[in-house]
Protein backbone atom coordinates (compact mmCIF):
# COMPACT_ATOMS: atom_id res chain seq x y z
CA UNK A 1 -21.84 -0.78 5.64
CA UNK A 2 -22.65 -3.77 3.39
CA UNK A 3 -20.16 -2.68 0.74
CA UNK A 4 -17.19 -2.35 3.08
CA UNK A 5 -17.87 -5.79 4.56
CA UNK A 6 -18.39 -7.51 1.21
CA UNK A 7 -15.92 -5.80 -1.12
CA UNK A 8 -13.06 -8.21 -0.31
CA UNK A 9 -13.09 -11.96 -0.98
CA UNK A 10 -13.53 -13.66 2.39
CA UNK A 11 -11.03 -16.47 3.07
CA UNK A 12 -12.26 -20.05 3.49
CA UNK A 13 -11.83 -19.71 7.28
CA UNK A 14 -13.96 -16.55 7.30
CA UNK A 15 -13.50 -13.22 9.01
CA UNK A 16 -15.35 -14.18 12.19
CA UNK A 17 -15.78 -17.31 14.28
CA UNK A 18 -19.06 -18.63 15.69
CA UNK A 19 -18.86 -16.15 18.59
CA UNK A 20 -18.52 -13.19 16.23
CA UNK A 21 -14.87 -12.64 17.12
CA UNK A 22 -11.87 -12.65 14.80
CA UNK A 23 -11.33 -16.02 13.18
CA UNK A 24 -7.72 -16.99 13.94
CA UNK A 25 -6.73 -19.77 11.54
CA UNK A 26 -3.85 -22.13 12.17
CA UNK A 27 -0.70 -21.66 10.04
CA UNK A 28 -1.64 -24.77 8.05
CA UNK A 29 -5.00 -23.20 7.14
CA UNK A 30 -3.35 -19.92 6.12
CA UNK A 31 -0.81 -21.69 3.90
CA UNK A 32 -3.51 -23.83 2.31
CA UNK A 33 -5.55 -20.71 1.55
CA UNK A 34 -2.47 -19.00 0.14
CA UNK A 35 -1.69 -21.84 -2.27
CA UNK A 36 -5.31 -22.01 -3.40
CA UNK A 37 -5.33 -18.26 -4.08
CA UNK A 38 -2.25 -18.56 -6.29
CA UNK A 39 -3.52 -21.49 -8.33
CA UNK A 40 -4.28 -20.03 -11.76
CA UNK A 41 -4.77 -23.51 -13.21
CA UNK A 42 -7.84 -24.17 -11.07
CA UNK A 43 -9.19 -20.63 -11.40
CA UNK A 44 -7.86 -17.96 -13.76
CA UNK A 45 -9.46 -15.34 -11.50
CA UNK A 46 -6.45 -15.89 -9.24
CA UNK A 47 -4.26 -14.16 -11.84
CA UNK A 48 -3.66 -10.98 -9.85
CA UNK A 49 -2.43 -12.67 -6.67
CA UNK A 50 -0.38 -15.09 -8.76
CA UNK A 51 1.21 -12.25 -10.73
CA UNK A 52 2.03 -10.31 -7.55
CA UNK A 53 4.05 -13.22 -6.13
CA UNK A 54 5.46 -14.21 -9.52
CA UNK A 55 7.11 -10.79 -9.71
CA UNK A 56 8.94 -11.50 -6.45
CA UNK A 57 10.05 -14.86 -7.80
CA UNK A 58 11.35 -13.16 -10.96
CA UNK A 59 13.46 -10.79 -8.83
CA UNK A 60 15.11 -13.63 -6.88
CA UNK A 61 17.69 -14.49 -9.61
CA UNK A 62 18.89 -10.86 -9.61
CA UNK A 63 19.44 -11.05 -5.86
CA UNK A 64 21.36 -14.33 -6.24
CA UNK A 65 23.55 -12.87 -9.01
CA UNK A 66 24.35 -9.85 -6.87
CA UNK A 67 25.20 -11.90 -3.78
CA UNK A 68 27.30 -14.56 -5.51
CA UNK A 69 28.76 -12.81 -8.54
CA UNK A 70 28.60 -9.02 -8.37
CA UNK A 71 28.75 -8.38 -4.64
CA UNK A 72 30.54 -5.22 -3.48
CA UNK A 73 30.16 -3.03 -0.42
CA UNK A 74 29.11 -0.17 -2.70
CA UNK A 75 26.45 -2.40 -4.24
CA UNK A 76 25.24 -3.44 -0.80
CA UNK A 77 24.88 0.20 0.29
CA UNK A 78 23.09 1.04 -2.94
CA UNK A 79 20.73 -1.91 -2.50
CA UNK A 80 20.00 -0.93 1.08
CA UNK A 81 19.22 2.70 0.23
CA UNK A 82 17.09 1.75 -2.77
CA UNK A 83 15.01 -0.86 -0.95
CA UNK A 84 14.63 0.87 2.40
CA UNK A 85 14.47 4.54 1.47
CA UNK A 86 13.61 4.90 -2.22
CA UNK A 87 11.04 2.12 -2.53
CA UNK A 88 9.76 2.63 1.00
CA UNK A 89 9.17 6.33 0.40
CA UNK A 90 7.60 5.68 -2.99
CA UNK A 91 5.20 3.20 -1.42
CA UNK A 92 4.05 5.88 1.00
CA UNK A 93 3.81 8.56 -1.71
CA UNK A 94 2.01 6.53 -4.34
CA UNK A 95 0.12 3.59 -2.88
CA UNK A 96 -0.67 5.00 0.53
CA UNK A 97 -1.24 8.73 0.30
CA UNK A 98 -2.40 8.95 -3.31
CA UNK A 99 -3.96 5.69 -4.49
CA UNK A 100 -5.87 5.07 -1.29
CA UNK A 101 -6.39 8.39 0.45
CA UNK A 102 -6.08 10.96 -2.33
CA UNK A 103 -4.25 13.25 0.08
CA UNK A 104 -3.01 15.33 -2.86
CA UNK A 105 -3.87 15.92 -6.49
CA UNK A 106 -1.63 16.00 -9.55
CA UNK A 107 -1.80 18.88 -11.99
CA UNK A 108 -2.12 16.44 -14.89
CA UNK A 109 -1.75 12.78 -15.84
CA UNK A 110 1.88 13.24 -16.89
CA UNK A 111 3.03 13.91 -13.34
CA UNK A 112 0.85 11.11 -12.06
CA UNK A 113 2.52 8.71 -14.49
CA UNK A 114 6.00 9.90 -13.48
CA UNK A 115 5.24 9.42 -9.79
CA UNK A 116 3.65 6.03 -10.37
CA UNK A 117 6.77 4.75 -12.15
CA UNK A 118 9.50 6.33 -10.01
CA UNK A 119 10.59 2.84 -8.94
CA UNK A 120 10.15 -0.76 -10.06
CA UNK A 121 6.49 -1.63 -10.13
CA UNK A 122 5.81 -4.65 -7.96
CA UNK A 123 2.55 -4.16 -6.04
CA UNK A 124 -0.68 -3.93 -8.09
CA UNK A 125 -2.61 -0.79 -7.10
CA UNK A 126 -5.87 -2.72 -6.87
CA UNK A 127 -4.59 -5.12 -4.22
CA UNK A 128 -3.32 -2.27 -2.07
CA UNK A 129 -5.83 0.55 -2.42
CA UNK A 130 -9.23 -1.10 -2.11
CA UNK A 131 -8.23 -3.34 0.78
CA UNK A 132 -6.64 -0.38 2.55
CA UNK A 133 -9.99 1.39 2.62
CA UNK A 134 -11.33 -1.66 4.42
CA UNK A 135 -8.37 -1.65 6.78
CA UNK A 136 -9.17 1.89 7.90
CA UNK A 137 -12.90 1.26 8.21
CA UNK A 138 -12.50 -2.00 10.17
CA UNK A 139 -9.06 -1.50 11.72
CA UNK A 140 -8.14 -4.24 14.23
CA UNK A 141 -11.61 -5.78 13.99
CA UNK A 142 -12.87 -8.84 12.06
CA UNK A 143 -12.77 -8.02 8.36
CA UNK A 144 -9.56 -6.00 8.57
CA UNK A 145 -7.53 -7.76 5.84
CA UNK A 146 -4.29 -7.51 7.82
CA UNK A 147 -5.51 -7.69 11.38
CA UNK A 148 -2.37 -8.09 13.50
CA UNK A 149 -4.32 -10.09 16.07
CA UNK A 150 -4.47 -12.89 13.52
CA UNK A 151 -0.72 -13.36 13.81
CA UNK A 152 2.33 -12.77 11.63
CA UNK A 153 1.44 -15.21 8.85
CA UNK A 154 -2.13 -13.85 8.73
CA UNK A 155 -0.67 -10.44 7.85
CA UNK A 156 2.30 -11.57 5.78
CA UNK A 157 0.17 -13.50 3.26
CA UNK A 158 -2.76 -11.09 3.40
CA UNK A 159 -2.22 -9.76 -0.12
CA UNK A 160 -3.28 -13.16 -1.49
CA UNK A 161 -5.54 -14.43 1.30
CA UNK A 162 -7.47 -11.34 2.37
CA UNK A 163 -6.88 -8.36 0.11
CA UNK A 164 -8.22 -9.42 -3.33
CA UNK A 165 -11.53 -7.93 -4.38
CA UNK A 166 -14.60 -10.12 -4.05
CA UNK A 167 -15.07 -11.93 -7.33
CA UNK A 168 -18.87 -11.97 -7.02
CA UNK A 169 -19.66 -8.27 -6.69
CA UNK A 170 -22.87 -6.84 -8.04
CA UNK A 171 -22.48 -4.41 -10.92
CA UNK A 172 -23.31 -1.56 -8.52
CA UNK A 173 -20.55 -2.53 -6.11
CA UNK A 174 -18.14 -3.19 -8.98
CA UNK A 175 -18.71 0.36 -10.20
CA UNK A 176 -17.97 1.68 -6.72
CA UNK A 177 -14.63 -0.13 -6.84
CA UNK A 178 -13.93 1.43 -10.24
CA UNK A 179 -14.64 4.83 -8.68
CA UNK A 180 -12.12 4.11 -5.94
CA UNK A 181 -9.49 3.27 -8.56
CA UNK A 182 -10.28 5.78 -11.31
CA UNK A 183 -7.91 8.51 -10.12
CA UNK A 184 -4.92 6.11 -10.14
CA UNK A 185 -4.89 5.80 -13.93
CA UNK A 186 -5.22 2.01 -13.76
CA UNK A 187 -7.05 0.64 -16.81
CA UNK A 188 -10.11 -1.11 -15.43
CA UNK A 189 -12.22 -3.95 -16.72
CA UNK A 190 -15.79 -3.65 -17.84
CA UNK A 191 -18.25 -5.52 -15.64
CA UNK A 192 -18.33 -8.35 -18.19
CA UNK A 193 -14.52 -8.54 -18.15
CA UNK A 194 -14.55 -8.47 -14.35
CA UNK A 195 -16.87 -11.48 -14.32
CA UNK A 196 -14.32 -13.29 -16.49
CA UNK A 197 -11.11 -12.23 -14.72
CA UNK A 198 -12.29 -11.50 -11.18
CA UNK A 199 -10.39 -8.21 -10.91
CA UNK A 200 -10.97 -4.49 -11.28
CA UNK A 201 -7.70 -4.04 -13.19
CA UNK A 202 -7.45 -5.24 -16.77
CA UNK A 203 -4.83 -8.04 -16.85
CA UNK A 204 -3.35 -7.14 -20.23
CA UNK A 205 -2.67 -3.50 -19.38
CA UNK A 206 -1.48 -4.29 -15.87
CA UNK A 207 1.08 -6.90 -16.99
CA UNK A 208 2.18 -4.79 -19.97
CA UNK A 209 2.75 -1.86 -17.62
CA UNK A 210 4.99 -3.97 -15.38
CA UNK A 211 7.04 -5.26 -18.33
CA UNK A 212 7.62 -1.75 -19.71
CA UNK A 213 8.47 -0.41 -16.25
CA UNK A 214 10.99 -3.15 -15.54
CA UNK A 215 12.56 -2.88 -19.00
CA UNK A 216 13.00 0.87 -18.63
CA UNK A 217 14.60 0.71 -15.18
CA UNK A 218 16.84 -2.23 -16.08
CA UNK A 219 18.15 -0.26 -19.07
CA UNK A 220 18.74 2.81 -16.90
CA UNK A 221 20.62 0.94 -14.17
CA UNK A 222 22.59 -1.12 -16.70
CA UNK A 223 23.73 2.00 -18.53
CA UNK A 224 24.77 3.62 -15.24
CA UNK A 225 26.54 0.70 -13.60
CA UNK A 226 26.27 -2.43 -15.72
CA UNK A 227 24.91 -5.77 -14.57
CA UNK A 228 26.31 -5.28 -11.09
CA UNK A 229 24.14 -2.23 -10.38
CA UNK A 230 21.10 -3.65 -12.16
CA UNK A 231 21.27 -6.89 -10.16
CA UNK A 232 21.83 -5.03 -6.89
CA UNK A 233 18.78 -2.81 -7.35
CA UNK A 234 16.45 -5.44 -8.80
CA UNK A 235 17.44 -7.82 -6.01
CA UNK A 236 16.86 -5.07 -3.45
CA UNK A 237 13.41 -4.45 -4.90
CA UNK A 238 12.56 -8.09 -4.25
CA UNK A 239 13.68 -7.77 -0.63
CA UNK A 240 11.47 -4.71 -0.20
CA UNK A 241 8.51 -6.50 -1.77
CA UNK A 242 8.82 -9.25 0.84
CA UNK A 243 9.65 -6.95 3.74
CA UNK A 244 6.76 -4.57 3.15
CA UNK A 245 4.38 -7.45 3.78
CA UNK A 246 5.52 -7.50 7.41
CA UNK A 247 4.73 -3.85 8.05
CA UNK A 248 1.11 -3.94 9.16
CA UNK A 249 1.82 -6.67 11.69
CA UNK A 250 4.56 -4.53 13.20
CA UNK A 251 2.67 -1.26 12.70
CA UNK A 252 -0.26 -2.48 14.77
CA UNK A 253 1.80 -3.71 17.70
CA UNK A 254 1.97 -7.37 16.66
CA UNK A 255 -1.59 -7.76 17.87
CA UNK A 256 -0.92 -6.18 21.26
CA UNK A 257 -1.53 -2.72 22.61
CA UNK A 258 1.87 -1.04 22.32
CA UNK A 259 0.59 2.55 22.09
CA UNK A 260 2.54 5.07 24.17
CA UNK A 261 1.19 8.16 25.85
CA UNK A 262 2.43 11.32 24.21
CA UNK A 263 3.60 9.41 21.13
CA UNK A 264 0.58 7.56 19.74
CA UNK A 265 -2.33 9.98 19.98
CA UNK A 266 -4.86 8.00 17.95
CA UNK A 267 -6.69 5.62 20.32
CA UNK A 268 -9.29 4.25 17.93
CA UNK A 269 -7.07 1.33 16.88
CA UNK A 270 -3.75 -0.31 17.74
CA UNK A 271 -1.60 1.57 15.22
CA UNK A 272 1.73 2.87 16.52
CA UNK A 273 4.39 5.31 15.38
CA UNK A 274 7.64 3.46 14.69
CA UNK A 275 11.00 5.15 14.31
CA UNK A 276 12.40 3.02 11.46
CA UNK A 277 9.45 3.12 9.02
CA UNK A 278 9.05 6.80 9.85
CA UNK A 279 12.66 7.70 9.15
CA UNK A 280 13.11 5.70 5.95
CA UNK A 281 9.63 5.98 4.41
CA UNK A 282 7.76 8.80 6.15
CA UNK A 283 5.33 6.24 7.58
CA UNK A 284 4.31 7.48 11.04
CA UNK A 285 1.46 5.04 11.21
CA UNK A 286 -0.46 6.21 14.27
CA UNK A 287 -0.36 9.78 12.94
CA UNK A 288 -1.59 8.51 9.61
CA UNK A 289 -4.56 6.75 11.23
CA UNK A 290 -5.28 9.97 13.06
CA UNK A 291 -5.39 12.01 9.83
CA UNK A 292 -5.53 9.49 6.96
CA UNK A 293 -6.20 12.10 4.26
CA UNK A 294 -3.18 14.21 5.17
CA UNK A 295 -0.28 14.35 2.71
CA UNK A 296 2.00 14.77 5.73
CA UNK A 297 2.13 12.36 8.68
CA UNK A 298 5.42 13.45 10.22
CA UNK A 299 4.07 16.18 12.47
CA UNK A 300 6.66 16.51 15.24
CA UNK A 301 10.15 17.96 14.61
CA UNK A 302 11.92 14.60 14.82
CA UNK A 303 9.39 12.88 12.57
CA UNK A 304 11.19 13.00 9.22
CA UNK A 305 8.71 12.57 6.40
CA UNK A 306 10.45 11.91 3.08
CA UNK A 307 7.14 11.22 1.33
CA UNK A 308 5.87 14.66 2.36
CA UNK A 309 9.07 16.30 1.13
CA UNK A 310 8.48 14.83 -2.32
CA UNK A 311 4.83 15.92 -2.38
CA UNK A 312 5.75 19.42 -1.21
CA UNK A 313 8.51 19.68 -3.82
CA UNK A 314 6.10 18.59 -6.54
CA UNK A 315 3.72 21.27 -5.32
CA UNK A 316 6.43 23.93 -5.51
CA UNK A 317 7.22 23.08 -9.15
CA UNK A 318 3.53 22.96 -10.04
CA UNK A 319 3.24 19.18 -10.55
CA UNK A 320 0.91 18.79 -7.55
CA UNK A 321 -2.01 21.21 -7.68
CA UNK A 322 -3.21 20.80 -4.10
CA UNK A 323 -2.75 18.74 -0.96
CA UNK A 324 -4.16 18.25 2.53
CA UNK A 325 -1.86 18.98 5.47
CA UNK A 326 -3.09 18.22 9.00
CA UNK A 327 -0.05 19.45 10.93
CA UNK A 328 -1.76 22.56 12.33
CA UNK A 329 -4.80 20.54 13.35
CA UNK A 330 -2.57 17.95 15.01
CA UNK A 331 -0.84 20.60 17.13
CA UNK A 332 -4.13 22.32 17.94
CA UNK A 333 -5.83 19.11 19.00
CA UNK A 334 -3.03 17.11 20.63
CA UNK A 335 -0.12 19.41 21.51
CA UNK A 336 -1.95 22.50 22.73
CA UNK A 337 -2.92 23.08 26.36
CA UNK A 338 -6.26 24.35 25.09
CA UNK A 339 -7.64 21.42 23.15
CA UNK A 340 -9.64 22.30 20.04
CA UNK A 341 -11.88 20.23 17.81
CA UNK A 342 -10.99 21.50 14.36
CA UNK A 343 -11.65 19.09 11.53
CA UNK A 344 -9.05 17.84 9.11
CA UNK A 345 -8.11 20.49 6.52
CA UNK A 346 -9.28 20.25 2.96
CA UNK A 347 -6.90 22.41 0.92
CA UNK A 348 -7.80 20.75 -2.36
CA UNK A 349 -10.88 22.03 -4.18
CA UNK A 350 -13.95 20.38 -2.77
CA UNK A 351 -14.81 18.16 -5.71
CA UNK A 352 -15.78 14.93 -4.02
CA UNK A 353 -15.48 12.62 -6.99
CA UNK A 354 -11.97 13.86 -7.84
CA UNK A 355 -10.19 14.54 -4.58
CA UNK A 356 -11.96 13.02 -1.62
CA UNK A 357 -12.35 9.20 -1.68
CA UNK A 358 -15.85 7.97 -2.38
CA UNK A 359 -17.82 7.17 0.74
CA UNK A 360 -17.74 3.48 1.43
């Protein structure tokens, strides 16, 4: 388990206190850590966290222009749908079910590229995917990068404070991180470049990819609806980028046990199924923790799963070659009067280094 405990850069206040329990820093400590992690002048290895928050700052003027110059009810509705539904669903499809859990497999790199760039690119894959492996392995225990027991600010600023990859990995552990990222198409550093930049992702290709993505979508929205539409959607993307940072605090009961009998069947952590994230983004979080490699997490009839609908559609047109679906196992194990112990399905070809995440 050494890799899973060491792969992320520990904050200055540590993961554990002297008693071996979760270290719960004061807000002042969290903010101090946050500012230090964004300071590229003191350490250029902070570039990834800095870039992640810089993108949000760059979206703020678009939001201001929409609110004070181009505001319309139509624009507000468009912004709401784009931020809540489109970007929320894309986050589940791309970052969650593919980049981290490899719950499905694309037929080729073309369809992977299309899916990756369906919306404005704001969150670097590296920050999300590697830390999310740790989250599942250490959920609600010390070392979980967004442990809800640490409080709201602990989770909200986790992408800078707790999620970056350890900048002092051995070459062996660095290569394991590369393996975890290889299927995403992210251009990775060599070990020598990693020692210089402190990241798995190559900074040039990552930043260039964001610029091209933003330029393409701005042109599309401008041609469709002019500056008004472009500002509405770019501003909405910034709201989503801030709002998504609150999810894991809410999705794990705000640090309390809010699991409900008959609703939240996974009892290994404090994850809960929430109506709003489920309806707008297909994120039924307790179900997901129950079957993390499943391309579907909306198992019950009322559990709308827009991310699954996209994956299934892509499968029907041949863009997705295979996927894992745990719905039958869920009903057999948790909804049947005769409880079974079937394992999670593996519908994709059993090629461990291509479909199933590397053991960590």
